[in-house]
Amino acid sequence: MYVQMGLAEMVHTQDGSRVVREFLAYGTAKDWKQILKVLKPHIERMCFDEAQNVLFTALGITDDTKLPSKSLVSEIVD
């Protein structure tokens, strides 16, 4: 729980962004869903700093086409 709350703040630093990208790269589909659920309210803010690398990784690594488009792209477009 506490780790999930910290992810939204971690992604805005260079080191934190790298750590979250590693979580996405080595995590399971269940892990991806949990991470993206935590980050979803912060996606608009993430587009403008180091956190955008996390978004690129999430779009590139997830094998489910509905999950990224539903949770990431729809937040960016709106």
N, C-alpha and C. Protein backbone atom coordinates (compact mmCIF):
# COMPACT_ATOMS: atom_id res chain seq x y z
N MET A 1 0.82 -1.19 0.00
CA MET A 1 0.00 0.00 0.00
C MET A 1 0.87 1.25 0.00
N TYR A 2 1.83 1.34 0.93
CA TYR A 2 2.67 2.52 1.01
C TYR A 2 3.56 2.66 -0.23
N VAL A 3 4.01 1.53 -0.76
CA VAL A 3 4.83 1.57 -1.97
C VAL A 3 4.01 2.11 -3.13
N GLN A 4 2.78 1.69 -3.24
CA GLN A 4 1.92 2.16 -4.33
C GLN A 4 1.71 3.66 -4.24
N MET A 5 1.52 4.18 -3.04
CA MET A 5 1.30 5.61 -2.87
C MET A 5 2.56 6.38 -3.26
N GLY A 6 3.71 5.81 -3.02
CA GLY A 6 4.96 6.48 -3.34
C GLY A 6 5.31 6.47 -4.81
N LEU A 7 4.76 5.53 -5.57
CA LEU A 7 5.07 5.45 -6.99
C LEU A 7 4.71 6.72 -7.74
N ALA A 8 3.58 7.30 -7.41
CA ALA A 8 3.12 8.50 -8.11
C ALA A 8 4.09 9.66 -7.92
N GLU A 9 4.79 9.70 -6.81
CA GLU A 9 5.78 10.76 -6.59
C GLU A 9 7.15 10.37 -7.11
N MET A 10 7.48 9.09 -7.06
CA MET A 10 8.78 8.61 -7.51
C MET A 10 9.02 8.86 -8.98
N VAL A 11 7.99 8.73 -9.79
CA VAL A 11 8.18 8.80 -11.24
C VAL A 11 8.65 10.17 -11.73
N HIS A 12 8.58 11.18 -10.90
CA HIS A 12 8.94 12.53 -11.33
C HIS A 12 10.42 12.85 -11.16
N THR A 13 11.19 11.89 -10.65
CA THR A 13 12.64 12.07 -10.56
C THR A 13 13.30 11.09 -11.52
N GLN A 14 14.53 11.36 -11.89
CA GLN A 14 15.23 10.51 -12.84
C GLN A 14 15.40 9.10 -12.28
N ASP A 15 15.86 8.99 -11.04
CA ASP A 15 16.08 7.67 -10.44
C ASP A 15 14.75 6.96 -10.19
N GLY A 16 13.77 7.68 -9.71
CA GLY A 16 12.46 7.08 -9.46
C GLY A 16 11.81 6.58 -10.74
N SER A 17 11.97 7.35 -11.80
CA SER A 17 11.43 6.95 -13.10
C SER A 17 12.08 5.65 -13.56
N ARG A 18 13.39 5.55 -13.37
CA ARG A 18 14.10 4.33 -13.76
C ARG A 18 13.62 3.12 -12.96
N VAL A 19 13.40 3.32 -11.67
CA VAL A 19 12.94 2.22 -10.81
C VAL A 19 11.55 1.74 -11.25
N VAL A 20 10.64 2.66 -11.51
CA VAL A 20 9.29 2.27 -11.91
C VAL A 20 9.32 1.59 -13.28
N ARG A 21 10.21 2.04 -14.17
CA ARG A 21 10.35 1.37 -15.48
C ARG A 21 10.85 -0.06 -15.30
N GLU A 22 11.74 -0.26 -14.34
CA GLU A 22 12.22 -1.62 -14.04
C GLU A 22 11.08 -2.48 -13.48
N PHE A 23 10.25 -1.89 -12.63
CA PHE A 23 9.08 -2.61 -12.11
C PHE A 23 8.21 -3.08 -13.27
N LEU A 24 7.97 -2.19 -14.22
CA LEU A 24 7.13 -2.54 -15.36
C LEU A 24 7.80 -3.60 -16.24
N ALA A 25 9.10 -3.46 -16.45
CA ALA A 25 9.81 -4.38 -17.33
C ALA A 25 9.87 -5.80 -16.78
N TYR A 26 10.03 -5.93 -15.48
CA TYR A 26 10.19 -7.25 -14.89
C TYR A 26 8.95 -7.76 -14.17
N GLY A 27 7.91 -6.96 -14.14
CA GLY A 27 6.69 -7.36 -13.45
C GLY A 27 5.78 -8.22 -14.31
N THR A 28 4.80 -8.78 -13.67
CA THR A 28 3.80 -9.58 -14.37
C THR A 28 2.66 -8.68 -14.83
N ALA A 29 1.73 -9.24 -15.58
CA ALA A 29 0.57 -8.47 -16.04
C ALA A 29 -0.22 -7.92 -14.86
N LYS A 30 -0.30 -8.69 -13.80
CA LYS A 30 -0.99 -8.23 -12.59
C LYS A 30 -0.28 -7.02 -11.99
N ASP A 31 1.05 -7.06 -11.97
CA ASP A 31 1.83 -5.93 -11.46
C ASP A 31 1.61 -4.69 -12.31
N TRP A 32 1.59 -4.85 -13.65
CA TRP A 32 1.37 -3.72 -14.55
C TRP A 32 0.04 -3.05 -14.24
N LYS A 33 -0.98 -3.87 -14.07
CA LYS A 33 -2.32 -3.32 -13.81
C LYS A 33 -2.34 -2.53 -12.51
N GLN A 34 -1.69 -3.04 -11.49
CA GLN A 34 -1.66 -2.34 -10.20
C GLN A 34 -0.89 -1.02 -10.32
N ILE A 35 0.24 -1.06 -11.00
CA ILE A 35 1.04 0.15 -11.16
C ILE A 35 0.29 1.19 -11.96
N LEU A 36 -0.31 0.78 -13.07
CA LEU A 36 -1.04 1.73 -13.92
C LEU A 36 -2.28 2.28 -13.21
N LYS A 37 -2.89 1.47 -12.37
CA LYS A 37 -4.04 1.94 -11.60
C LYS A 37 -3.63 3.06 -10.64
N VAL A 38 -2.47 2.90 -10.02
CA VAL A 38 -1.96 3.92 -9.10
C VAL A 38 -1.58 5.19 -9.85
N LEU A 39 -1.00 5.04 -11.03
CA LEU A 39 -0.50 6.19 -11.79
C LEU A 39 -1.57 6.90 -12.60
N LYS A 40 -2.69 6.26 -12.84
CA LYS A 40 -3.72 6.82 -13.72
C LYS A 40 -4.15 8.24 -13.36
N PRO A 41 -4.39 8.59 -12.10
CA PRO A 41 -4.79 9.97 -11.80
C PRO A 41 -3.70 11.01 -12.06
N HIS A 42 -2.47 10.57 -12.26
CA HIS A 42 -1.33 11.47 -12.40
C HIS A 42 -0.79 11.53 -13.83
N ILE A 43 -1.47 10.90 -14.77
CA ILE A 43 -0.93 10.76 -16.12
C ILE A 43 -0.72 12.10 -16.81
N GLU A 44 -1.65 13.02 -16.67
CA GLU A 44 -1.50 14.31 -17.34
C GLU A 44 -0.24 15.03 -16.86
N ARG A 45 0.01 15.01 -15.58
CA ARG A 45 1.21 15.65 -15.01
C ARG A 45 2.48 14.91 -15.44
N MET A 46 2.37 13.60 -15.63
CA MET A 46 3.52 12.79 -15.99
C MET A 46 4.03 13.08 -17.41
N CYS A 47 3.22 13.67 -18.23
CA CYS A 47 3.60 13.93 -19.62
C CYS A 47 4.69 14.99 -19.75
N PHE A 48 5.00 15.72 -18.71
CA PHE A 48 5.85 16.90 -18.84
C PHE A 48 7.21 16.81 -18.14
N ASP A 49 7.60 15.67 -17.61
CA ASP A 49 8.91 15.57 -16.97
C ASP A 49 9.47 14.16 -17.12
N GLU A 50 10.37 13.76 -16.24
CA GLU A 50 11.00 12.44 -16.31
C GLU A 50 9.98 11.30 -16.35
N ALA A 51 8.81 11.55 -15.83
CA ALA A 51 7.79 10.51 -15.76
C ALA A 51 7.29 10.08 -17.12
N GLN A 52 7.51 10.90 -18.15
CA GLN A 52 7.04 10.50 -19.47
C GLN A 52 7.74 9.23 -19.94
N ASN A 53 8.96 8.98 -19.47
CA ASN A 53 9.64 7.73 -19.82
C ASN A 53 8.90 6.52 -19.27
N VAL A 54 8.26 6.67 -18.14
CA VAL A 54 7.46 5.59 -17.58
C VAL A 54 6.26 5.32 -18.49
N LEU A 55 5.65 6.37 -19.00
CA LEU A 55 4.52 6.19 -19.92
C LEU A 55 4.96 5.48 -21.19
N PHE A 56 6.11 5.88 -21.74
CA PHE A 56 6.62 5.21 -22.94
C PHE A 56 6.87 3.73 -22.68
N THR A 57 7.45 3.43 -21.54
CA THR A 57 7.72 2.04 -21.19
C THR A 57 6.43 1.26 -21.03
N ALA A 58 5.46 1.86 -20.36
CA ALA A 58 4.17 1.18 -20.15
C ALA A 58 3.49 0.89 -21.48
N LEU A 59 3.55 1.83 -22.41
CA LEU A 59 2.93 1.61 -23.72
C LEU A 59 3.69 0.57 -24.52
N GLY A 60 4.99 0.51 -24.36
CA GLY A 60 5.79 -0.42 -25.14
C GLY A 60 5.87 -1.82 -24.60
N ILE A 61 5.64 -2.01 -23.32
CA ILE A 61 5.90 -3.31 -22.72
C ILE A 61 4.65 -4.14 -22.48
N THR A 62 3.53 -3.50 -22.30
CA THR A 62 2.33 -4.27 -21.99
C THR A 62 1.85 -5.01 -23.22
N ASP A 63 1.47 -6.26 -23.05
CA ASP A 63 1.04 -7.08 -24.17
C ASP A 63 -0.47 -7.04 -24.39
N ASP A 64 -1.16 -6.35 -23.55
CA ASP A 64 -2.61 -6.22 -23.67
C ASP A 64 -2.92 -4.89 -24.36
N THR A 65 -3.59 -4.93 -25.50
CA THR A 65 -3.83 -3.69 -26.24
C THR A 65 -4.92 -2.84 -25.62
N LYS A 66 -5.84 -3.44 -24.90
CA LYS A 66 -6.92 -2.67 -24.29
C LYS A 66 -6.46 -1.92 -23.05
N LEU A 67 -5.61 -2.52 -22.25
CA LEU A 67 -5.17 -1.89 -20.99
C LEU A 67 -4.49 -0.54 -21.22
N PRO A 68 -3.46 -0.46 -22.07
CA PRO A 68 -2.81 0.84 -22.25
C PRO A 68 -3.74 1.88 -22.88
N SER A 69 -4.52 1.47 -23.86
CA SER A 69 -5.38 2.46 -24.52
C SER A 69 -6.47 2.94 -23.59
N LYS A 70 -6.97 2.06 -22.75
CA LYS A 70 -8.03 2.45 -21.82
C LYS A 70 -7.50 3.33 -20.70
N SER A 71 -6.36 2.97 -20.14
CA SER A 71 -5.90 3.68 -18.95
C SER A 71 -4.93 4.82 -19.25
N LEU A 72 -4.12 4.70 -20.28
CA LEU A 72 -3.11 5.71 -20.53
C LEU A 72 -3.52 6.71 -21.61
N VAL A 73 -3.81 6.20 -22.78
CA VAL A 73 -4.08 7.07 -23.92
C VAL A 73 -5.34 7.90 -23.70
N SER A 74 -6.36 7.30 -23.14
CA SER A 74 -7.60 8.05 -22.92
C SER A 74 -7.39 9.21 -21.95
N GLU A 75 -6.53 9.04 -20.96
CA GLU A 75 -6.23 10.11 -20.01
C GLU A 75 -5.43 11.24 -20.67
N ILE A 76 -4.54 10.89 -21.58
CA ILE A 76 -3.72 11.90 -22.25
C ILE A 76 -4.56 12.70 -23.24
N VAL A 77 -5.42 12.02 -23.98
CA VAL A 77 -6.24 12.67 -25.00
C VAL A 77 -7.27 13.60 -24.39
N ASP A 78 -7.84 13.20 -23.27
CA ASP A 78 -8.89 14.02 -22.64
C ASP A 78 -8.32 15.21 -22.03
